[in-house]
C-alpha cells in the first residue's frame, strides 16, 4: 500500500493501552501510517518518558495529551517543559480561561526559541466528547447548547493565540466558520461504521469529520483493538480507503 502523506498527516493514533510493550508494538507496527502518536494520561502516568523516547526514536511525532488546567504561571512553566521534552502537539483546557491559554502559548514559544525550532501545535480542549447536552445542563447547570458553548470556547482560544482546538466533529464546521480556515480542529471520537462506540457520546466517521472541516482525526480503539477478524494494519488500511474516497 502506498502511503498518502496528506492522509497520514491527519491521523493521530491514541495509544490508550495498559502496558508499555503494547504501546511499543503499536508504534512499531503502525508508524508508517500514523502522522502523530497521542500519549494520554493513562500511559504517561504509568510510563512517563519511556514511551515518548520510544516514539521519538522512530522519528515520529508525539502529542502529549495531558490537558493542562491550572493557574497561568504554572501552565506557562509546564508548557515550556512539554516543548523542551520534544512534544509536537500538546493541549490545555479552554475552560482555564484566556490568561491561562495565553500563558501556555508564551511558555511554548519560549521553549521553542531555546531549541531554535518552530512552536508545536497547541490545542485547547473545548468540550470532552463524553460531555453530552444532558451532562452540561444537569450536572454543570450551564443552560446553553453544547455546540454553541464549544464554539464560544474556540473563539476564546483563537484570541489567546492557540493553534486550534480539540472539538467534536459535530462542531468542526461552525468552528471553522467562526475562527477561520487556518484555525486547526482536531476531532476525537472518530469511529468507522464497522467499529464500536464505547464510552463516547458524540462520535463521527472519518469521512464525516473531514467533510465537516477536521484537520486531524484521533483514532483509537477502532485500530488498537480492531473488530474481530481485523489486524491493526487492516483497520488502518480501511480507514485510509475511506478517507481516500473523499
Protein backbone atom coordinates (compact mmCIF):
# COMPACT_ATOMS: atom_id res chain seq x y z
CA UNK A 1 0.00 0.00 0.00
CA UNK A 2 1.33 3.41 -0.99
CA UNK A 3 1.05 5.86 1.91
CA UNK A 4 -0.75 9.09 1.09
CA UNK A 5 1.16 11.69 3.12
CA UNK A 6 -1.83 14.05 3.21
CA UNK A 7 -3.93 11.34 4.85
CA UNK A 8 -1.08 10.31 7.16
CA UNK A 9 -0.74 13.89 8.44
CA UNK A 10 -4.38 13.78 9.57
CA UNK A 11 -4.06 10.54 11.54
CA UNK A 12 -3.48 10.86 15.28
CA UNK A 13 -3.38 7.43 16.90
CA UNK A 14 -4.36 7.25 20.57
CA UNK A 15 -2.08 4.88 22.46
CA UNK A 16 -4.70 4.17 25.11
CA UNK A 17 -3.31 0.83 26.23
CA UNK A 18 -2.33 -0.57 29.63
CA UNK A 19 1.25 -1.68 29.09
CA UNK A 20 4.36 -0.16 27.58
CA UNK A 21 5.04 -3.27 25.50
CA UNK A 22 1.57 -2.96 23.94
CA UNK A 23 2.28 0.65 23.01
CA UNK A 24 5.67 -0.22 21.56
CA UNK A 25 4.16 -2.92 19.35
CA UNK A 26 1.56 -0.46 18.04
CA UNK A 27 4.26 2.13 17.31
CA UNK A 28 6.44 -0.46 15.56
CA UNK A 29 3.52 -1.73 13.51
CA UNK A 30 1.76 1.49 12.61
CA UNK A 31 4.30 4.31 12.44
CA UNK A 32 4.34 4.21 8.60
CA UNK A 33 0.61 5.06 8.64
CA UNK A 34 0.43 7.48 11.56
CA UNK A 35 1.19 11.20 11.49
CA UNK A 36 1.22 11.61 15.26
CA UNK A 37 1.02 9.24 18.22
CA UNK A 38 -1.07 10.52 21.10
CA UNK A 39 0.19 9.75 24.58
CA UNK A 40 -2.53 10.34 27.14
CA UNK A 41 -2.78 10.32 30.90
CA UNK A 42 -3.32 6.56 31.09
CA UNK A 43 0.05 5.72 29.55
CA UNK A 44 2.03 8.79 30.60
CA UNK A 45 1.27 8.50 34.32
CA UNK A 46 2.46 4.89 34.28
CA UNK A 47 5.50 5.02 32.00
CA UNK A 48 6.38 8.70 31.71
CA UNK A 49 9.13 9.46 29.25
CA UNK A 50 9.81 5.84 28.26
CA UNK A 51 7.07 5.84 25.64
CA UNK A 52 7.91 9.35 24.47
CA UNK A 53 11.53 8.38 23.91
CA UNK A 54 10.44 5.27 22.03
CA UNK A 55 8.23 7.29 19.66
CA UNK A 56 10.93 9.92 19.15
CA UNK A 57 13.44 7.24 18.24
CA UNK A 58 11.11 6.25 15.38
CA UNK A 59 11.31 9.87 14.15
CA UNK A 60 7.56 10.09 14.68
CA UNK A 61 5.59 12.99 16.10
CA UNK A 62 4.02 12.71 19.53
CA UNK A 63 1.09 14.53 21.07
CA UNK A 64 1.31 14.84 24.86
CA UNK A 65 -2.37 14.77 25.74
CA UNK A 66 -2.30 15.88 29.38
CA UNK A 67 -4.85 18.72 29.09
CA UNK A 68 -3.11 21.31 31.27
CA UNK A 69 -5.52 23.22 33.52
CA UNK A 70 -4.07 25.33 36.34
CA UNK A 71 -3.18 28.90 37.22
CA UNK A 72 -1.45 30.78 34.35
CA UNK A 73 2.04 30.79 35.90
CA UNK A 74 2.01 27.04 36.46
CA UNK A 75 0.68 26.32 32.96
CA UNK A 76 3.29 28.61 31.38
CA UNK A 77 6.13 26.70 33.03
CA UNK A 78 4.55 23.33 32.34
CA UNK A 79 4.07 24.25 28.67
CA UNK A 80 7.71 25.21 28.41
CA UNK A 81 8.71 21.84 29.86
CA UNK A 82 6.42 19.95 27.49
CA UNK A 83 8.03 21.59 24.47
CA UNK A 84 11.54 21.09 25.82
CA UNK A 85 10.63 17.41 26.14
CA UNK A 86 10.04 17.36 22.38
CA UNK A 87 6.25 17.31 22.03
CA UNK A 88 4.96 18.19 18.57
CA UNK A 89 1.44 18.67 19.93
CA UNK A 90 0.05 19.38 23.39
CA UNK A 91 -3.19 20.69 24.82
CA UNK A 92 -4.82 22.69 27.58
CA UNK A 93 -8.41 23.05 28.76
CA UNK A 94 -10.08 26.11 27.24
CA UNK A 95 -12.14 26.43 30.41
CA UNK A 96 -8.93 27.51 32.14
CA UNK A 97 -9.61 30.92 30.62
CA UNK A 98 -7.93 33.44 28.37
CA UNK A 99 -4.99 34.30 30.67
CA UNK A 100 -4.14 30.63 31.17
CA UNK A 101 -4.18 29.89 27.43
CA UNK A 102 -2.04 32.95 26.71
CA UNK A 103 0.43 31.68 29.31
CA UNK A 104 0.58 28.29 27.58
CA UNK A 105 1.44 29.99 24.30
CA UNK A 106 4.16 32.08 25.98
CA UNK A 107 5.72 29.05 27.60
CA UNK A 108 5.70 27.07 24.36
CA UNK A 109 7.25 29.90 22.36
CA UNK A 110 9.93 30.43 24.99
CA UNK A 111 10.92 26.76 24.82
CA UNK A 112 10.84 26.71 21.03
CA UNK A 113 13.22 29.67 20.94
CA UNK A 114 15.63 27.83 23.25
CA UNK A 115 15.54 24.84 20.90
CA UNK A 116 15.67 27.01 17.77
CA UNK A 117 12.60 25.28 16.36
CA UNK A 118 9.09 26.28 15.48
CA UNK A 119 6.49 26.07 18.27
CA UNK A 120 4.35 22.93 18.44
CA UNK A 121 0.68 22.69 17.66
CA UNK A 122 -1.05 23.96 20.80
CA UNK A 123 -4.68 22.96 21.12
CA UNK A 124 -7.42 23.99 23.51
CA UNK A 125 -9.92 21.35 24.59
CA UNK A 126 -13.41 22.76 24.23
CA UNK A 127 -15.82 20.03 25.36
CA UNK A 128 -14.85 16.42 26.03
CA UNK A 129 -16.70 14.05 23.73
CA UNK A 130 -18.07 12.31 26.82
CA UNK A 131 -19.93 15.50 27.79
CA UNK A 132 -23.45 15.36 26.41
CA UNK A 133 -26.10 18.07 26.41
CA UNK A 134 -27.67 16.43 29.46
CA UNK A 135 -24.40 16.49 31.41
CA UNK A 136 -23.82 20.15 30.54
CA UNK A 137 -27.28 21.16 31.74
CA UNK A 138 -27.97 18.74 34.59
CA UNK A 139 -24.55 18.39 36.18
CA UNK A 140 -22.86 21.69 35.34
CA UNK A 141 -26.08 23.75 35.25
CA UNK A 142 -24.93 25.52 32.09
CA UNK A 143 -28.12 26.22 30.23
CA UNK A 144 -26.79 26.56 26.71
CA UNK A 145 -26.41 24.36 23.67
CA UNK A 146 -23.27 22.22 23.91
CA UNK A 147 -22.21 23.13 20.35
CA UNK A 148 -22.61 26.85 20.99
CA UNK A 149 -20.57 26.57 24.16
CA UNK A 150 -17.78 24.77 22.29
CA UNK A 151 -17.69 27.50 19.65
CA UNK A 152 -17.53 30.19 22.31
CA UNK A 153 -14.52 28.45 23.84
CA UNK A 154 -12.91 28.09 20.40
CA UNK A 155 -13.16 31.84 19.83
CA UNK A 156 -11.50 32.43 23.18
CA UNK A 157 -8.72 30.00 22.24
CA UNK A 158 -8.07 31.85 18.99
CA UNK A 159 -7.90 35.15 20.85
CA UNK A 160 -5.30 33.59 23.15
CA UNK A 161 -3.12 32.62 20.17
CA UNK A 162 -3.71 28.87 20.25
CA UNK A 163 -3.11 26.89 17.05
CA UNK A 164 -6.55 25.36 17.24
CA UNK A 165 -8.90 23.30 19.34
CA UNK A 166 -9.88 19.78 20.23
CA UNK A 167 -13.58 19.55 19.46
CA UNK A 168 -16.26 17.16 18.31
CA UNK A 169 -16.64 16.87 14.56
CA UNK A 170 -20.23 18.00 15.16
CA UNK A 171 -18.82 21.47 15.89
CA UNK A 172 -15.92 21.49 13.40
CA UNK A 173 -17.68 23.30 10.57
CA UNK A 174 -19.06 26.03 12.83
CA UNK A 175 -15.68 26.49 14.48
CA UNK A 176 -14.05 26.96 11.09
CA UNK A 177 -16.71 29.49 10.17
CA UNK A 178 -16.22 31.36 13.45
CA UNK A 179 -12.40 31.19 13.67
CA UNK A 180 -11.18 30.86 10.08
CA UNK A 181 -9.97 28.01 7.89
CA UNK A 182 -6.40 28.22 9.23
CA UNK A 183 -7.55 27.59 12.81
CA UNK A 184 -6.95 23.87 13.31
CA UNK A 185 -9.57 21.44 14.57
CA UNK A 186 -8.58 18.07 15.99
CA UNK A 187 -11.52 15.72 16.35
CA UNK A 188 -11.60 12.83 18.82
CA UNK A 189 -14.41 10.32 18.93
CA UNK A 190 -13.71 9.05 15.42
CA UNK A 191 -15.29 5.67 14.78
CA UNK A 192 -15.64 4.00 11.38
CA UNK A 193 -19.04 2.43 10.75
CA UNK A 194 -17.62 -1.04 11.40
CA UNK A 195 -16.29 -0.23 14.89
CA UNK A 196 -17.95 0.15 18.30
CA UNK A 197 -18.88 3.40 20.07
CA UNK A 198 -17.62 2.53 23.58
CA UNK A 199 -17.98 5.37 26.13
CA UNK A 200 -18.01 8.40 23.85
CA UNK A 201 -21.31 10.11 23.14
CA UNK A 202 -20.57 12.50 20.28
CA UNK A 203 -18.77 10.47 17.63
CA UNK A 204 -18.37 10.51 13.84
CA UNK A 205 -16.87 8.53 10.99
CA UNK A 206 -13.56 9.69 9.45
CA UNK A 207 -15.35 10.70 6.26
CA UNK A 208 -17.94 12.77 8.10
CA UNK A 209 -15.33 14.51 10.26
CA UNK A 210 -13.15 15.54 7.32
CA UNK A 211 -16.15 16.76 5.34
CA UNK A 212 -17.05 18.90 8.36
CA UNK A 213 -13.59 20.51 8.40
CA UNK A 214 -11.47 18.36 10.73
CA UNK A 215 -7.72 18.81 10.24
CA UNK A 216 -6.72 15.91 12.49
CA UNK A 217 -8.57 12.71 13.44
CA UNK A 218 -7.95 10.96 16.74
CA UNK A 219 -8.41 7.26 16.14
CA UNK A 220 -8.02 4.77 18.95
CA UNK A 221 -9.76 1.52 19.68
CA UNK A 222 -11.01 1.11 16.11
CA UNK A 223 -7.35 0.39 15.27
CA UNK A 224 -5.71 -0.60 18.56
CA UNK A 225 -8.50 -3.07 19.42
CA UNK A 226 -9.99 -3.73 15.99
CA UNK A 227 -13.13 -5.65 15.14
CA UNK A 228 -12.91 -9.43 15.06
CA UNK A 229 -11.04 -10.67 12.03
CA UNK A 230 -9.03 -7.46 11.55
CA UNK A 231 -5.45 -6.64 12.50
CA UNK A 232 -4.46 -3.07 13.40
CA UNK A 233 -2.91 -2.70 9.94
CA UNK A 234 -6.12 -4.00 8.30
CA UNK A 235 -8.14 -1.46 10.27
CA UNK A 236 -5.80 1.39 9.37
CA UNK A 237 -5.91 0.46 5.68
CA UNK A 238 -9.72 0.52 5.77
CA UNK A 239 -9.59 4.00 7.30
CA UNK A 240 -7.15 5.17 4.61
CA UNK A 241 -9.51 3.80 1.96
CA UNK A 242 -12.47 5.65 3.48
CA UNK A 243 -10.58 8.96 3.66
CA UNK A 244 -9.16 8.46 0.17
CA UNK A 245 -12.67 8.31 -1.26
CA UNK A 246 -13.46 11.87 -0.11
